Amino acid sequence: MVASAFAFSLLRACAESEEEAAGDLAEQQMESQEDVLEEEADLAEAQGDEAQEEVLDEQADAMGDAADEAEEATEDQVAQ
């Protein structure tokens, strides 16, 4: 009985680690995309394309918000 409880706790820990890793990966991908969008916005600004800069800045902000939400969701899942 003790061995099966221990095995179950190990399986649960692995599942949490897998969920946490998947959440971390999603967050990192979104943060990377945010960085790319910010660099594209900087380029548009340097080229004098203010409209494109604003669009890219808004997209970067949205991606940053999504990354923050992914981080929070991962933390919530791990805490449960």
PDB file of N, CA and C in Angstrom:
ATOM      1  N   MET A   1       0.820  -1.188   0.000  1.00  0.00           N
ATOM      2  CA  MET A   1       0.000   0.000   0.000  1.00  0.00           C
ATOM      3  C   MET A   1       0.869   1.259   0.000  1.00  0.00           C
ATOM      4  N   VAL A   2       1.905   1.249   0.805  1.00  0.00           N
ATOM      5  CA  VAL A   2       2.811   2.400   0.870  1.00  0.00           C
ATOM      6  C   VAL A   2       3.521   2.589  -0.466  1.00  0.00           C
ATOM      7  N   ALA A   3       3.921   1.472  -1.092  1.00  0.00           N
ATOM      8  CA  ALA A   3       4.611   1.555  -2.373  1.00  0.00           C
ATOM      9  C   ALA A   3       3.699   2.143  -3.440  1.00  0.00           C
ATOM     10  N   SER A   4       2.427   1.746  -3.455  1.00  0.00           N
ATOM     11  CA  SER A   4       1.537   2.282  -4.480  1.00  0.00           C
ATOM     12  C   SER A   4       1.241   3.756  -4.223  1.00  0.00           C
ATOM     13  N   ALA A   5       1.165   4.173  -2.983  1.00  0.00           N
ATOM     14  CA  ALA A   5       0.967   5.583  -2.666  1.00  0.00           C
ATOM     15  C   ALA A   5       2.178   6.396  -3.106  1.00  0.00           C
ATOM     16  N   PHE A   6       3.355   5.838  -2.892  1.00  0.00           N
ATOM     17  CA  PHE A   6       4.580   6.510  -3.317  1.00  0.00           C
ATOM     18  C   PHE A   6       4.630   6.613  -4.840  1.00  0.00           C
ATOM     19  N   ALA A   7       4.290   5.538  -5.520  1.00  0.00           N
ATOM     20  CA  ALA A   7       4.286   5.547  -6.991  1.00  0.00           C
ATOM     21  C   ALA A   7       3.280   6.561  -7.517  1.00  0.00           C
ATOM     22  N   PHE A   8       2.113   6.622  -6.895  1.00  0.00           N
ATOM     23  CA  PHE A   8       1.097   7.587  -7.308  1.00  0.00           C
ATOM     24  C   PHE A   8       1.601   9.013  -7.122  1.00  0.00           C
ATOM     25  N   SER A   9       2.283   9.264  -6.010  1.00  0.00           N
ATOM     26  CA  SER A   9       2.789  10.620  -5.764  1.00  0.00           C
ATOM     27  C   SER A   9       3.868  10.985  -6.790  1.00  0.00           C
ATOM     28  N   LEU A  10       4.672  10.005  -7.198  1.00  0.00           N
ATOM     29  CA  LEU A  10       5.673  10.263  -8.239  1.00  0.00           C
ATOM     30  C   LEU A  10       5.009  10.577  -9.569  1.00  0.00           C
ATOM     31  N   LEU A  11       3.985   9.824  -9.926  1.00  0.00           N
ATOM     32  CA  LEU A  11       3.271  10.075 -11.173  1.00  0.00           C
ATOM     33  C   LEU A  11       2.625  11.453 -11.164  1.00  0.00           C
ATOM     34  N   ARG A  12       2.061  11.823 -10.057  1.00  0.00           N
ATOM     35  CA  ARG A  12       1.435  13.143  -9.940  1.00  0.00           C
ATOM     36  C   ARG A  12       2.483  14.243 -10.085  1.00  0.00           C
ATOM     37  N   ALA A  13       3.642  14.058  -9.471  1.00  0.00           N
ATOM     38  CA  ALA A  13       4.721  15.043  -9.576  1.00  0.00           C
ATOM     39  C   ALA A  13       5.193  15.175 -11.017  1.00  0.00           C
ATOM     40  N   CYS A  14       5.280  14.060 -11.722  1.00  0.00           N
ATOM     41  CA  CYS A  14       5.694  14.093 -13.133  1.00  0.00           C
ATOM     42  C   CYS A  14       4.666  14.845 -13.968  1.00  0.00           C
ATOM     43  N   ALA A  15       3.396  14.588 -13.713  1.00  0.00           N
ATOM     44  CA  ALA A  15       2.342  15.270 -14.464  1.00  0.00           C
ATOM     45  C   ALA A  15       2.405  16.768 -14.208  1.00  0.00           C
ATOM     46  N   GLU A  16       2.613  17.162 -12.962  1.00  0.00           N
ATOM     47  CA  GLU A  16       2.720  18.583 -12.653  1.00  0.00           C
ATOM     48  C   GLU A  16       3.941  19.180 -13.327  1.00  0.00           C
ATOM     49  N   SER A  17       5.037  18.458 -13.321  1.00  0.00           N
ATOM     50  CA  SER A  17       6.249  18.950 -13.963  1.00  0.00           C
ATOM     51  C   SER A  17       6.039  19.100 -15.460  1.00  0.00           C
ATOM     52  N   GLU A  18       5.328  18.150 -16.055  1.00  0.00           N
ATOM     53  CA  GLU A  18       5.054  18.220 -17.491  1.00  0.00           C
ATOM     54  C   GLU A  18       4.148  19.408 -17.807  1.00  0.00           C
ATOM     55  N   GLU A  19       3.112  19.615 -16.996  1.00  0.00           N
ATOM     56  CA  GLU A  19       2.217  20.756 -17.195  1.00  0.00           C
ATOM     57  C   GLU A  19       2.973  22.072 -17.018  1.00  0.00           C
ATOM     58  N   GLU A  20       3.810  22.107 -16.001  1.00  0.00           N
ATOM     59  CA  GLU A  20       4.580  23.323 -15.751  1.00  0.00           C
ATOM     60  C   GLU A  20       5.540  23.600 -16.908  1.00  0.00           C
ATOM     61  N   ALA A  21       6.190  22.569 -17.412  1.00  0.00           N
ATOM     62  CA  ALA A  21       7.116  22.741 -18.528  1.00  0.00           C
ATOM     63  C   ALA A  21       6.384  23.216 -19.778  1.00  0.00           C
ATOM     64  N   ALA A  22       5.211  22.643 -20.037  1.00  0.00           N
ATOM     65  CA  ALA A  22       4.429  23.061 -21.199  1.00  0.00           C
ATOM     66  C   ALA A  22       3.987  24.514 -21.061  1.00  0.00           C
ATOM     67  N   GLY A  23       3.577  24.896 -19.863  1.00  0.00           N
ATOM     68  CA  GLY A  23       3.190  26.288 -19.623  1.00  0.00           C
ATOM     69  C   GLY A  23       4.358  27.238 -19.763  1.00  0.00           C
ATOM     70  N   ASP A  24       5.501  26.838 -19.252  1.00  0.00           N
ATOM     71  CA  ASP A  24       6.704  27.668 -19.371  1.00  0.00           C
ATOM     72  C   ASP A  24       7.108  27.840 -20.832  1.00  0.00           C
ATOM     73  N   LEU A  25       7.003  26.761 -21.603  1.00  0.00           N
ATOM     74  CA  LEU A  25       7.346  26.829 -23.022  1.00  0.00           C
ATOM     75  C   LEU A  25       6.414  27.785 -23.754  1.00  0.00           C
ATOM     76  N   ALA A  26       5.118  27.675 -23.496  1.00  0.00           N
ATOM     77  CA  ALA A  26       4.158  28.571 -24.137  1.00  0.00           C
ATOM     78  C   ALA A  26       4.452  30.026 -23.784  1.00  0.00           C
ATOM     79  N   GLU A  27       4.748  30.261 -22.515  1.00  0.00           N
ATOM     80  CA  GLU A  27       5.066  31.619 -22.067  1.00  0.00           C
ATOM     81  C   GLU A  27       6.318  32.150 -22.770  1.00  0.00           C
ATOM     82  N   GLN A  28       7.359  31.326 -22.858  1.00  0.00           N
ATOM     83  CA  GLN A  28       8.600  31.753 -23.498  1.00  0.00           C
ATOM     84  C   GLN A  28       8.395  32.039 -24.977  1.00  0.00           C
ATOM     85  N   GLN A  29       7.579  31.221 -25.646  1.00  0.00           N
ATOM     86  CA  GLN A  29       7.308  31.449 -27.060  1.00  0.00           C
ATOM     87  C   GLN A  29       6.579  32.774 -27.272  1.00  0.00           C
ATOM     88  N   MET A  30       5.617  33.057 -26.406  1.00  0.00           N
ATOM     89  CA  MET A  30       4.883  34.318 -26.521  1.00  0.00           C
ATOM     90  C   MET A  30       5.785  35.514 -26.236  1.00  0.00           C
ATOM     91  N   GLU A  31       6.663  35.378 -25.248  1.00  0.00           N
ATOM     92  CA  GLU A  31       7.590  36.468 -24.943  1.00  0.00           C
ATOM     93  C   GLU A  31       8.558  36.692 -26.106  1.00  0.00           C
ATOM     94  N   SER A  32       8.983  35.620 -26.753  1.00  0.00           N
ATOM     95  CA  SER A  32       9.863  35.759 -27.912  1.00  0.00           C
ATOM     96  C   SER A  32       9.140  36.466 -29.052  1.00  0.00           C
ATOM     97  N   GLN A  33       7.896  36.096 -29.276  1.00  0.00           N
ATOM     98  CA  GLN A  33       7.112  36.746 -30.325  1.00  0.00           C
ATOM     99  C   GLN A  33       6.895  38.217 -29.991  1.00  0.00           C
ATOM    100  N   GLU A  34       6.681  38.510 -28.711  1.00  0.00           N
ATOM    101  CA  GLU A  34       6.542  39.907 -28.283  1.00  0.00           C
ATOM    102  C   GLU A  34       7.813  40.689 -28.623  1.00  0.00           C
ATOM    103  N   ASP A  35       8.971  40.098 -28.348  1.00  0.00           N
ATOM    104  CA  ASP A  35      10.248  40.761 -28.655  1.00  0.00           C
ATOM    105  C   ASP A  35      10.397  41.028 -30.143  1.00  0.00           C
ATOM    106  N   VAL A  36      10.021  40.053 -30.966  1.00  0.00           N
ATOM    107  CA  VAL A  36      10.111  40.212 -32.422  1.00  0.00           C
ATOM    108  C   VAL A  36       9.209  41.358 -32.874  1.00  0.00           C
ATOM    109  N   LEU A  37       7.977  41.378 -32.360  1.00  0.00           N
ATOM    110  CA  LEU A  37       7.041  42.443 -32.734  1.00  0.00           C
ATOM    111  C   LEU A  37       7.556  43.816 -32.307  1.00  0.00           C
ATOM    112  N   GLU A  38       8.174  43.888 -31.138  1.00  0.00           N
ATOM    113  CA  GLU A  38       8.731  45.161 -30.685  1.00  0.00           C
ATOM    114  C   GLU A  38       9.870  45.624 -31.588  1.00  0.00           C
ATOM    115  N   GLU A  39      10.703  44.688 -32.024  1.00  0.00           N
ATOM    116  CA  GLU A  39      11.790  45.048 -32.942  1.00  0.00           C
ATOM    117  C   GLU A  39      11.241  45.494 -34.294  1.00  0.00           C
ATOM    118  N   GLU A  40      10.198  44.829 -34.770  1.00  0.00           N
ATOM    119  CA  GLU A  40       9.570  45.230 -36.028  1.00  0.00           C
ATOM    120  C   GLU A  40       8.948  46.619 -35.901  1.00  0.00           C
ATOM    121  N   ALA A  41       8.376  46.905 -34.731  1.00  0.00           N
ATOM    122  CA  ALA A  41       7.806  48.234 -34.483  1.00  0.00           C
ATOM    123  C   ALA A  41       8.906  49.292 -34.484  1.00  0.00           C
ATOM    124  N   ASP A  42      10.043  48.978 -33.893  1.00  0.00           N
ATOM    125  CA  ASP A  42      11.175  49.911 -33.895  1.00  0.00           C
ATOM    126  C   ASP A  42      11.648  50.180 -35.321  1.00  0.00           C
ATOM    127  N   LEU A  43      11.688  49.139 -36.129  1.00  0.00           N
ATOM    128  CA  LEU A  43      12.100  49.296 -37.528  1.00  0.00           C
ATOM    129  C   LEU A  43      11.099  50.167 -38.280  1.00  0.00           C
ATOM    130  N   ALA A  44       9.813  49.910 -38.069  1.00  0.00           N
ATOM    131  CA  ALA A  44       8.788  50.716 -38.734  1.00  0.00           C
ATOM    132  C   ALA A  44       8.911  52.186 -38.326  1.00  0.00           C
ATOM    133  N   GLU A  45       9.200  52.415 -37.052  1.00  0.00           N
ATOM    134  CA  GLU A  45       9.381  53.789 -36.582  1.00  0.00           C
ATOM    135  C   GLU A  45      10.588  54.436 -37.262  1.00  0.00           C
ATOM    136  N   ALA A  46      11.675  53.687 -37.353  1.00  0.00           N
ATOM    137  CA  ALA A  46      12.880  54.215 -37.985  1.00  0.00           C
ATOM    138  C   ALA A  46      12.650  54.525 -39.461  1.00  0.00           C
ATOM    139  N   GLN A  47      11.737  53.789 -40.073  1.00  0.00           N
ATOM    140  CA  GLN A  47      11.422  54.007 -41.485  1.00  0.00           C
ATOM    141  C   GLN A  47      10.328  55.057 -41.672  1.00  0.00           C
ATOM    142  N   GLY A  48       9.849  55.601 -40.569  1.00  0.00           N
ATOM    143  CA  GLY A  48       8.853  56.654 -40.635  1.00  0.00           C
ATOM    144  C   GLY A  48       7.421  56.167 -40.831  1.00  0.00           C
ATOM    145  N   ASP A  49       7.184  54.894 -40.633  1.00  0.00           N
ATOM    146  CA  ASP A  49       5.848  54.327 -40.823  1.00  0.00           C
ATOM    147  C   ASP A  49       5.139  54.246 -39.466  1.00  0.00           C
ATOM    148  N   GLU A  50       4.557  55.373 -39.054  1.00  0.00           N
ATOM    149  CA  GLU A  50       3.953  55.453 -37.726  1.00  0.00           C
ATOM    150  C   GLU A  50       2.741  54.533 -37.576  1.00  0.00           C
ATOM    151  N   ALA A  51       1.953  54.406 -38.624  1.00  0.00           N
ATOM    152  CA  ALA A  51       0.765  53.549 -38.549  1.00  0.00           C
ATOM    153  C   ALA A  51       1.161  52.096 -38.305  1.00  0.00           C
ATOM    154  N   GLN A  52       2.161  51.625 -39.034  1.00  0.00           N
ATOM    155  CA  GLN A  52       2.635  50.251 -38.855  1.00  0.00           C
ATOM    156  C   GLN A  52       3.264  50.070 -37.480  1.00  0.00           C
ATOM    157  N   GLU A  53       3.967  51.086 -37.025  1.00  0.00           N
ATOM    158  CA  GLU A  53       4.574  51.018 -35.692  1.00  0.00           C
ATOM    159  C   GLU A  53       3.493  50.834 -34.623  1.00  0.00           C
ATOM    160  N   GLU A  54       2.421  51.605 -34.719  1.00  0.00           N
ATOM    161  CA  GLU A  54       1.345  51.503 -33.738  1.00  0.00           C
ATOM    162  C   GLU A  54       0.692  50.124 -33.752  1.00  0.00           C
ATOM    163  N   VAL A  55       0.462  49.590 -34.942  1.00  0.00           N
ATOM    164  CA  VAL A  55      -0.143  48.260 -35.061  1.00  0.00           C
ATOM    165  C   VAL A  55       0.754  47.214 -34.413  1.00  0.00           C
ATOM    166  N   LEU A  56       2.039  47.276 -34.717  1.00  0.00           N
ATOM    167  CA  LEU A  56       2.984  46.308 -34.169  1.00  0.00           C
ATOM    168  C   LEU A  56       3.132  46.457 -32.656  1.00  0.00           C
ATOM    169  N   ASP A  57       3.116  47.688 -32.173  1.00  0.00           N
ATOM    170  CA  ASP A  57       3.190  47.908 -30.716  1.00  0.00           C
ATOM    171  C   ASP A  57       1.976  47.308 -30.022  1.00  0.00           C
ATOM    172  N   GLU A  58       0.803  47.497 -30.617  1.00  0.00           N
ATOM    173  CA  GLU A  58      -0.415  46.924 -30.034  1.00  0.00           C
ATOM    174  C   GLU A  58      -0.351  45.398 -30.023  1.00  0.00           C
ATOM    175  N   GLN A  59       0.155  44.828 -31.118  1.00  0.00           N
ATOM    176  CA  GLN A  59       0.293  43.365 -31.179  1.00  0.00           C
ATOM    177  C   GLN A  59       1.294  42.869 -30.137  1.00  0.00           C
ATOM    178  N   ALA A  60       2.384  43.608 -29.970  1.00  0.00           N
ATOM    179  CA  ALA A  60       3.387  43.227 -28.975  1.00  0.00           C
ATOM    180  C   ALA A  60       2.803  43.297 -27.569  1.00  0.00           C
ATOM    181  N   ASP A  61       2.033  44.342 -27.302  1.00  0.00           N
ATOM    182  CA  ASP A  61       1.398  44.460 -25.983  1.00  0.00           C
ATOM    183  C   ASP A  61       0.439  43.301 -25.737  1.00  0.00           C
ATOM    184  N   ALA A  62      -0.336  42.949 -26.748  1.00  0.00           N
ATOM    185  CA  ALA A  62      -1.282  41.827 -26.611  1.00  0.00           C
ATOM    186  C   ALA A  62      -0.542  40.516 -26.367  1.00  0.00           C
ATOM    187  N   MET A  63       0.574  40.336 -27.046  1.00  0.00           N
ATOM    188  CA  MET A  63       1.355  39.118 -26.865  1.00  0.00           C
ATOM    189  C   MET A  63       1.963  39.080 -25.464  1.00  0.00           C
ATOM    190  N   GLY A  64       2.403  40.222 -24.980  1.00  0.00           N
ATOM    191  CA  GLY A  64       2.933  40.297 -23.614  1.00  0.00           C
ATOM    192  C   GLY A  64       1.864  39.973 -22.586  1.00  0.00           C
ATOM    193  N   ASP A  65       0.663  40.481 -22.810  1.00  0.00           N
ATOM    194  CA  ASP A  65      -0.449  40.169 -21.905  1.00  0.00           C
ATOM    195  C   ASP A  65      -0.766  38.681 -21.934  1.00  0.00           C
ATOM    196  N   ALA A  66      -0.748  38.080 -23.120  1.00  0.00           N
ATOM    197  CA  ALA A  66      -1.015  36.643 -23.238  1.00  0.00           C
ATOM    198  C   ALA A  66       0.059  35.830 -22.521  1.00  0.00           C
ATOM    199  N   ALA A  67       1.305  36.272 -22.608  1.00  0.00           N
ATOM    200  CA  ALA A  67       2.389  35.578 -21.909  1.00  0.00           C
ATOM    201  C   ALA A  67       2.194  35.661 -20.400  1.00  0.00           C
ATOM    202  N   ASP A  68       1.775  36.821 -19.920  1.00  0.00           N
ATOM    203  CA  ASP A  68       1.515  36.985 -18.485  1.00  0.00           C
ATOM    204  C   ASP A  68       0.376  36.066 -18.037  1.00  0.00           C
ATOM    205  N   GLU A  69      -0.666  35.979 -18.855  1.00  0.00           N
ATOM    206  CA  GLU A  69      -1.797  35.107 -18.526  1.00  0.00           C
ATOM    207  C   GLU A  69      -1.378  33.637 -18.521  1.00  0.00           C
ATOM    208  N   ALA A  70      -0.520  33.255 -19.462  1.00  0.00           N
ATOM    209  CA  ALA A  70      -0.026  31.878 -19.506  1.00  0.00           C
ATOM    210  C   ALA A  70       0.788  31.564 -18.259  1.00  0.00           C
ATOM    211  N   GLU A  71       1.593  32.524 -17.834  1.00  0.00           N
ATOM    212  CA  GLU A  71       2.391  32.336 -16.620  1.00  0.00           C
ATOM    213  C   GLU A  71       1.487  32.152 -15.402  1.00  0.00           C
ATOM    214  N   GLU A  72       0.467  32.991 -15.297  1.00  0.00           N
ATOM    215  CA  GLU A  72      -0.463  32.890 -14.175  1.00  0.00           C
ATOM    216  C   GLU A  72      -1.210  31.554 -14.189  1.00  0.00           C
ATOM    217  N   ALA A  73      -1.632  31.125 -15.374  1.00  0.00           N
ATOM    218  CA  ALA A  73      -2.352  29.859 -15.489  1.00  0.00           C
ATOM    219  C   ALA A  73      -1.465  28.692 -15.082  1.00  0.00           C
ATOM    220  N   THR A  74      -0.207  28.741 -15.465  1.00  0.00           N
ATOM    221  CA  THR A  74       0.737  27.682 -15.097  1.00  0.00           C
ATOM    222  C   THR A  74       0.936  27.659 -13.589  1.00  0.00           C
ATOM    223  N   GLU A  75       1.107  28.833 -13.005  1.00  0.00           N
ATOM    224  CA  GLU A  75       1.276  28.907 -11.558  1.00  0.00           C
ATOM    225  C   GLU A  75       0.047  28.375 -10.824  1.00  0.00           C
ATOM    226  N   ASP A  76      -1.140  28.691 -11.347  1.00  0.00           N
ATOM    227  CA  ASP A  76      -2.381  28.211 -10.732  1.00  0.00           C
ATOM    228  C   ASP A  76      -2.481  26.698 -10.817  1.00  0.00           C
ATOM    229  N   GLN A  77      -2.112  26.125 -11.962  1.00  0.00           N
ATOM    230  CA  GLN A  77      -2.170  24.670 -12.130  1.00  0.00           C
ATOM    231  C   GLN A  77      -1.194  23.967 -11.198  1.00  0.00           C
ATOM    232  N   VAL A  78      -0.017  24.525 -11.064  1.00  0.00           N
ATOM    233  CA  VAL A  78       1.005  23.909 -10.203  1.00  0.00           C
ATOM    234  C   VAL A  78       0.592  23.996  -8.745  1.00  0.00           C
ATOM    235  N   ALA A  79      -0.076  25.085  -8.375  1.00  0.00           N
ATOM    236  CA  ALA A  79      -0.484  25.286  -6.990  1.00  0.00           C
ATOM    237  C   ALA A  79      -1.592  24.309  -6.573  1.00  0.00           C
ATOM    238  N   GLN A  80      -2.352  23.824  -7.545  1.00  0.00           N
ATOM    239  CA  GLN A  80      -3.464  22.921  -7.208  1.00  0.00           C
ATOM    240  C   GLN A  80      -2.994  21.563  -6.914  1.00  0.00           C
TER     241      GLN A  80
END
